[in-house]
Amino acid sequence: MMLTRNLFYTGLTRAKKLAIVVGAKKAISLAVRSTDDQKRYTRLQQRLLQAGLDW
C-alpha cells in the first residue's frame, strides 16, 4: 500500500514551489495517520564502520 505518512511527507517536501494534493480526504487522512513500522535492513552501521566511523 502506498498510503503511508513517510511517502506522503516526501512527496510534499520535494515540491519546489507548489504541491497539489489530489485524492479523497479519507485516503489522505489514512496516509497521514499511518506509519510503516517494518524494520529496515539498510546495513548502515556496517557501512559506517567500513568508512572508519565508529557508530
PDB file of N, CA and C in Angstrom:
ATOM      1  N   MET A   1       0.843  -1.172   0.000  1.00  0.00           N
ATOM      2  CA  MET A   1       0.000   0.000   0.000  1.00  0.00           C
ATOM      3  C   MET A   1       0.892   1.240   0.000  1.00  0.00           C
ATOM      4  N   MET A   2       0.586   2.180  -0.838  1.00  0.00           N
ATOM      5  CA  MET A   2       1.402   3.387  -0.967  1.00  0.00           C
ATOM      6  C   MET A   2       0.932   4.520  -0.065  1.00  0.00           C
ATOM      7  N   LEU A   3      -0.131   4.311   0.680  1.00  0.00           N
ATOM      8  CA  LEU A   3      -0.640   5.377   1.539  1.00  0.00           C
ATOM      9  C   LEU A   3       0.035   5.332   2.900  1.00  0.00           C
ATOM     10  N   THR A   4       1.247   5.831   2.963  1.00  0.00           N
ATOM     11  CA  THR A   4       1.953   5.900   4.235  1.00  0.00           C
ATOM     12  C   THR A   4       2.406   7.333   4.478  1.00  0.00           C
ATOM     13  N   ARG A   5       2.550   7.668   5.744  1.00  0.00           N
ATOM     14  CA  ARG A   5       2.916   9.026   6.113  1.00  0.00           C
ATOM     15  C   ARG A   5       4.257   9.445   5.510  1.00  0.00           C
ATOM     16  N   ASN A   6       5.238   8.549   5.547  1.00  0.00           N
ATOM     17  CA  ASN A   6       6.560   8.939   5.055  1.00  0.00           C
ATOM     18  C   ASN A   6       6.551   9.226   3.552  1.00  0.00           C
ATOM     19  N   LEU A   7       5.800   8.470   2.772  1.00  0.00           N
ATOM     20  CA  LEU A   7       5.734   8.738   1.332  1.00  0.00           C
ATOM     21  C   LEU A   7       4.961  10.019   1.032  1.00  0.00           C
ATOM     22  N   PHE A   8       3.905  10.246   1.785  1.00  0.00           N
ATOM     23  CA  PHE A   8       3.123  11.470   1.621  1.00  0.00           C
ATOM     24  C   PHE A   8       3.985  12.686   1.968  1.00  0.00           C
ATOM     25  N   TYR A   9       4.701  12.613   3.077  1.00  0.00           N
ATOM     26  CA  TYR A   9       5.586  13.692   3.516  1.00  0.00           C
ATOM     27  C   TYR A   9       6.689  13.944   2.486  1.00  0.00           C
ATOM     28  N   THR A  10       7.280  12.877   1.978  1.00  0.00           N
ATOM     29  CA  THR A  10       8.342  13.014   0.983  1.00  0.00           C
ATOM     30  C   THR A  10       7.822  13.712  -0.267  1.00  0.00           C
ATOM     31  N   GLY A  11       6.662  13.309  -0.708  1.00  0.00           N
ATOM     32  CA  GLY A  11       6.082  13.939  -1.893  1.00  0.00           C
ATOM     33  C   GLY A  11       5.833  15.424  -1.705  1.00  0.00           C
ATOM     34  N   LEU A  12       5.341  15.803  -0.543  1.00  0.00           N
ATOM     35  CA  LEU A  12       5.071  17.218  -0.289  1.00  0.00           C
ATOM     36  C   LEU A  12       6.346  18.030  -0.123  1.00  0.00           C
ATOM     37  N   THR A  13       7.309  17.491   0.569  1.00  0.00           N
ATOM     38  CA  THR A  13       8.518  18.262   0.855  1.00  0.00           C
ATOM     39  C   THR A  13       9.459  18.365  -0.339  1.00  0.00           C
ATOM     40  N   ARG A  14       9.311  17.524  -1.331  1.00  0.00           N
ATOM     41  CA  ARG A  14      10.165  17.615  -2.523  1.00  0.00           C
ATOM     42  C   ARG A  14       9.672  18.642  -3.526  1.00  0.00           C
ATOM     43  N   ALA A  15       8.470  19.117  -3.317  1.00  0.00           N
ATOM     44  CA  ALA A  15       7.946  20.148  -4.214  1.00  0.00           C
ATOM     45  C   ALA A  15       8.753  21.429  -4.030  1.00  0.00           C
ATOM     46  N   LYS A  16       9.154  22.041  -5.121  1.00  0.00           N
ATOM     47  CA  LYS A  16       9.981  23.250  -5.059  1.00  0.00           C
ATOM     48  C   LYS A  16       9.141  24.502  -4.820  1.00  0.00           C
ATOM     49  N   LYS A  17       8.044  24.638  -5.568  1.00  0.00           N
ATOM     50  CA  LYS A  17       7.233  25.848  -5.457  1.00  0.00           C
ATOM     51  C   LYS A  17       5.797  25.570  -5.049  1.00  0.00           C
ATOM     52  N   LEU A  18       5.263  24.447  -5.505  1.00  0.00           N
ATOM     53  CA  LEU A  18       3.845  24.185  -5.306  1.00  0.00           C
ATOM     54  C   LEU A  18       3.599  22.687  -5.247  1.00  0.00           C
ATOM     55  N   ALA A  19       2.755  22.281  -4.345  1.00  0.00           N
ATOM     56  CA  ALA A  19       2.331  20.877  -4.274  1.00  0.00           C
ATOM     57  C   ALA A  19       0.810  20.845  -4.337  1.00  0.00           C
ATOM     58  N   ILE A  20       0.292  20.097  -5.264  1.00  0.00           N
ATOM     59  CA  ILE A  20      -1.154  19.937  -5.391  1.00  0.00           C
ATOM     60  C   ILE A  20      -1.484  18.508  -5.011  1.00  0.00           C
ATOM     61  N   VAL A  21      -2.293  18.369  -3.983  1.00  0.00           N
ATOM     62  CA  VAL A  21      -2.671  17.047  -3.488  1.00  0.00           C
ATOM     63  C   VAL A  21      -4.044  16.709  -4.054  1.00  0.00           C
ATOM     64  N   VAL A  22      -4.114  15.606  -4.778  1.00  0.00           N
ATOM     65  CA  VAL A  22      -5.362  15.163  -5.381  1.00  0.00           C
ATOM     66  C   VAL A  22      -5.709  13.814  -4.784  1.00  0.00           C
ATOM     67  N   GLY A  23      -6.900  13.703  -4.251  1.00  0.00           N
ATOM     68  CA  GLY A  23      -7.332  12.434  -3.686  1.00  0.00           C
ATOM     69  C   GLY A  23      -8.478  12.641  -2.724  1.00  0.00           C
ATOM     70  N   ALA A  24      -9.036  11.546  -2.306  1.00  0.00           N
ATOM     71  CA  ALA A  24     -10.134  11.605  -1.348  1.00  0.00           C
ATOM     72  C   ALA A  24      -9.608  12.026   0.015  1.00  0.00           C
ATOM     73  N   LYS A  25     -10.373  12.839   0.724  1.00  0.00           N
ATOM     74  CA  LYS A  25      -9.966  13.283   2.059  1.00  0.00           C
ATOM     75  C   LYS A  25      -9.704  12.096   2.980  1.00  0.00           C
ATOM     76  N   LYS A  26     -10.507  11.064   2.850  1.00  0.00           N
ATOM     77  CA  LYS A  26     -10.341   9.884   3.700  1.00  0.00           C
ATOM     78  C   LYS A  26      -9.004   9.197   3.413  1.00  0.00           C
ATOM     79  N   ALA A  27      -8.627   9.092   2.153  1.00  0.00           N
ATOM     80  CA  ALA A  27      -7.359   8.454   1.792  1.00  0.00           C
ATOM     81  C   ALA A  27      -6.176   9.265   2.311  1.00  0.00           C
ATOM     82  N   ILE A  28      -6.249  10.576   2.188  1.00  0.00           N
ATOM     83  CA  ILE A  28      -5.174  11.435   2.683  1.00  0.00           C
ATOM     84  C   ILE A  28      -5.094  11.351   4.199  1.00  0.00           C
ATOM     85  N   SER A  29      -6.233  11.321   4.845  1.00  0.00           N
ATOM     86  CA  SER A  29      -6.264  11.183   6.303  1.00  0.00           C
ATOM     87  C   SER A  29      -5.631   9.870   6.743  1.00  0.00           C
ATOM     88  N   LEU A  30      -5.919   8.794   6.024  1.00  0.00           N
ATOM     89  CA  LEU A  30      -5.307   7.498   6.339  1.00  0.00           C
ATOM     90  C   LEU A  30      -3.797   7.550   6.153  1.00  0.00           C
ATOM     91  N   ALA A  31      -3.352   8.215   5.102  1.00  0.00           N
ATOM     92  CA  ALA A  31      -1.916   8.313   4.841  1.00  0.00           C
ATOM     93  C   ALA A  31      -1.212   9.075   5.953  1.00  0.00           C
ATOM     94  N   VAL A  32      -1.804  10.159   6.403  1.00  0.00           N
ATOM     95  CA  VAL A  32      -1.189  10.979   7.448  1.00  0.00           C
ATOM     96  C   VAL A  32      -1.127  10.227   8.771  1.00  0.00           C
ATOM     97  N   ARG A  33      -2.123   9.402   9.040  1.00  0.00           N
ATOM     98  CA  ARG A  33      -2.159   8.685  10.318  1.00  0.00           C
ATOM     99  C   ARG A  33      -1.418   7.359  10.292  1.00  0.00           C
ATOM    100  N   SER A  34      -1.069   6.872   9.117  1.00  0.00           N
ATOM    101  CA  SER A  34      -0.431   5.559   9.042  1.00  0.00           C
ATOM    102  C   SER A  34       1.081   5.680   9.123  1.00  0.00           C
ATOM    103  N   THR A  35       1.691   4.665   9.674  1.00  0.00           N
ATOM    104  CA  THR A  35       3.151   4.594   9.716  1.00  0.00           C
ATOM    105  C   THR A  35       3.569   3.220   9.226  1.00  0.00           C
ATOM    106  N   ASP A  36       4.760   3.156   8.707  1.00  0.00           N
ATOM    107  CA  ASP A  36       5.305   1.886   8.242  1.00  0.00           C
ATOM    108  C   ASP A  36       6.261   1.394   9.313  1.00  0.00           C
ATOM    109  N   ASP A  37       5.799   0.488  10.148  1.00  0.00           N
ATOM    110  CA  ASP A  37       6.582   0.027  11.286  1.00  0.00           C
ATOM    111  C   ASP A  37       7.486  -1.152  10.953  1.00  0.00           C
ATOM    112  N   GLN A  38       7.648  -1.449   9.686  1.00  0.00           N
ATOM    113  CA  GLN A  38       8.503  -2.569   9.317  1.00  0.00           C
ATOM    114  C   GLN A  38       9.961  -2.201   9.542  1.00  0.00           C
ATOM    115  N   LYS A  39      10.726  -3.164  10.030  1.00  0.00           N
ATOM    116  CA  LYS A  39      12.148  -2.943  10.260  1.00  0.00           C
ATOM    117  C   LYS A  39      12.867  -2.864   8.920  1.00  0.00           C
ATOM    118  N   ARG A  40      13.751  -1.896   8.803  1.00  0.00           N
ATOM    119  CA  ARG A  40      14.506  -1.711   7.568  1.00  0.00           C
ATOM    120  C   ARG A  40      15.909  -2.255   7.754  1.00  0.00           C
ATOM    121  N   TYR A  41      16.360  -3.036   6.795  1.00  0.00           N
ATOM    122  CA  TYR A  41      17.697  -3.622   6.823  1.00  0.00           C
ATOM    123  C   TYR A  41      18.565  -2.885   5.800  1.00  0.00           C
ATOM    124  N   THR A  42      19.241  -1.841   6.256  1.00  0.00           N
ATOM    125  CA  THR A  42      19.997  -0.993   5.345  1.00  0.00           C
ATOM    126  C   THR A  42      21.493  -1.254   5.382  1.00  0.00           C
ATOM    127  N   ARG A  43      21.971  -1.972   6.375  1.00  0.00           N
ATOM    128  CA  ARG A  43      23.396  -2.219   6.593  1.00  0.00           C
ATOM    129  C   ARG A  43      24.155  -0.914   6.804  1.00  0.00           C
ATOM    130  N   LEU A  44      23.439   0.109   7.294  1.00  0.00           N
ATOM    131  CA  LEU A  44      24.054   1.412   7.518  1.00  0.00           C
ATOM    132  C   LEU A  44      25.187   1.331   8.531  1.00  0.00           C
ATOM    133  N   GLN A  45      24.976   0.617   9.618  1.00  0.00           N
ATOM    134  CA  GLN A  45      26.014   0.511  10.643  1.00  0.00           C
ATOM    135  C   GLN A  45      27.284  -0.122  10.068  1.00  0.00           C
ATOM    136  N   GLN A  46      27.128  -1.173   9.279  1.00  0.00           N
ATOM    137  CA  GLN A  46      28.288  -1.821   8.660  1.00  0.00           C
ATOM    138  C   GLN A  46      29.024  -0.857   7.731  1.00  0.00           C
ATOM    139  N   ARG A  47      28.290  -0.096   6.969  1.00  0.00           N
ATOM    140  CA  ARG A  47      28.908   0.849   6.034  1.00  0.00           C
ATOM    141  C   ARG A  47      29.651   1.961   6.768  1.00  0.00           C
ATOM    142  N   LEU A  48      29.086   2.432   7.879  1.00  0.00           N
ATOM    143  CA  LEU A  48      29.765   3.463   8.659  1.00  0.00           C
ATOM    144  C   LEU A  48      31.051   2.922   9.266  1.00  0.00           C
ATOM    145  N   LEU A  49      31.003   1.687   9.740  1.00  0.00           N
ATOM    146  CA  LEU A  49      32.207   1.081  10.307  1.00  0.00           C
ATOM    147  C   LEU A  49      33.280   0.896   9.240  1.00  0.00           C
ATOM    148  N   GLN A  50      32.880   0.483   8.050  1.00  0.00           N
ATOM    149  CA  GLN A  50      33.837   0.312   6.954  1.00  0.00           C
ATOM    150  C   GLN A  50      34.464   1.644   6.549  1.00  0.00           C
ATOM    151  N   ALA A  51      33.711   2.720   6.717  1.00  0.00           N
ATOM    152  CA  ALA A  51      34.227   4.043   6.368  1.00  0.00           C
ATOM    153  C   ALA A  51      35.102   4.613   7.481  1.00  0.00           C
ATOM    154  N   GLY A  52      35.240   3.871   8.576  1.00  0.00           N
ATOM    155  CA  GLY A  52      36.074   4.324   9.678  1.00  0.00           C
ATOM    156  C   GLY A  52      35.347   5.174  10.692  1.00  0.00           C
ATOM    157  N   LEU A  53      34.034   5.195  10.615  1.00  0.00           N
ATOM    158  CA  LEU A  53      33.242   5.964  11.571  1.00  0.00           C
ATOM    159  C   LEU A  53      32.721   5.029  12.649  1.00  0.00           C
ATOM    160  N   ASP A  54      33.030   5.326  13.886  1.00  0.00           N
ATOM    161  CA  ASP A  54      32.572   4.486  14.997  1.00  0.00           C
ATOM    162  C   ASP A  54      31.168   4.905  15.390  1.00  0.00           C
ATOM    163  N   TRP A  55      30.217   4.131  15.012  1.00  0.00           N
ATOM    164  CA  TRP A  55      28.810   4.459  15.265  1.00  0.00           C
ATOM    165  C   TRP A  55      28.323   3.686  16.430  1.00  0.00           C
TER     166      TRP A  55
END
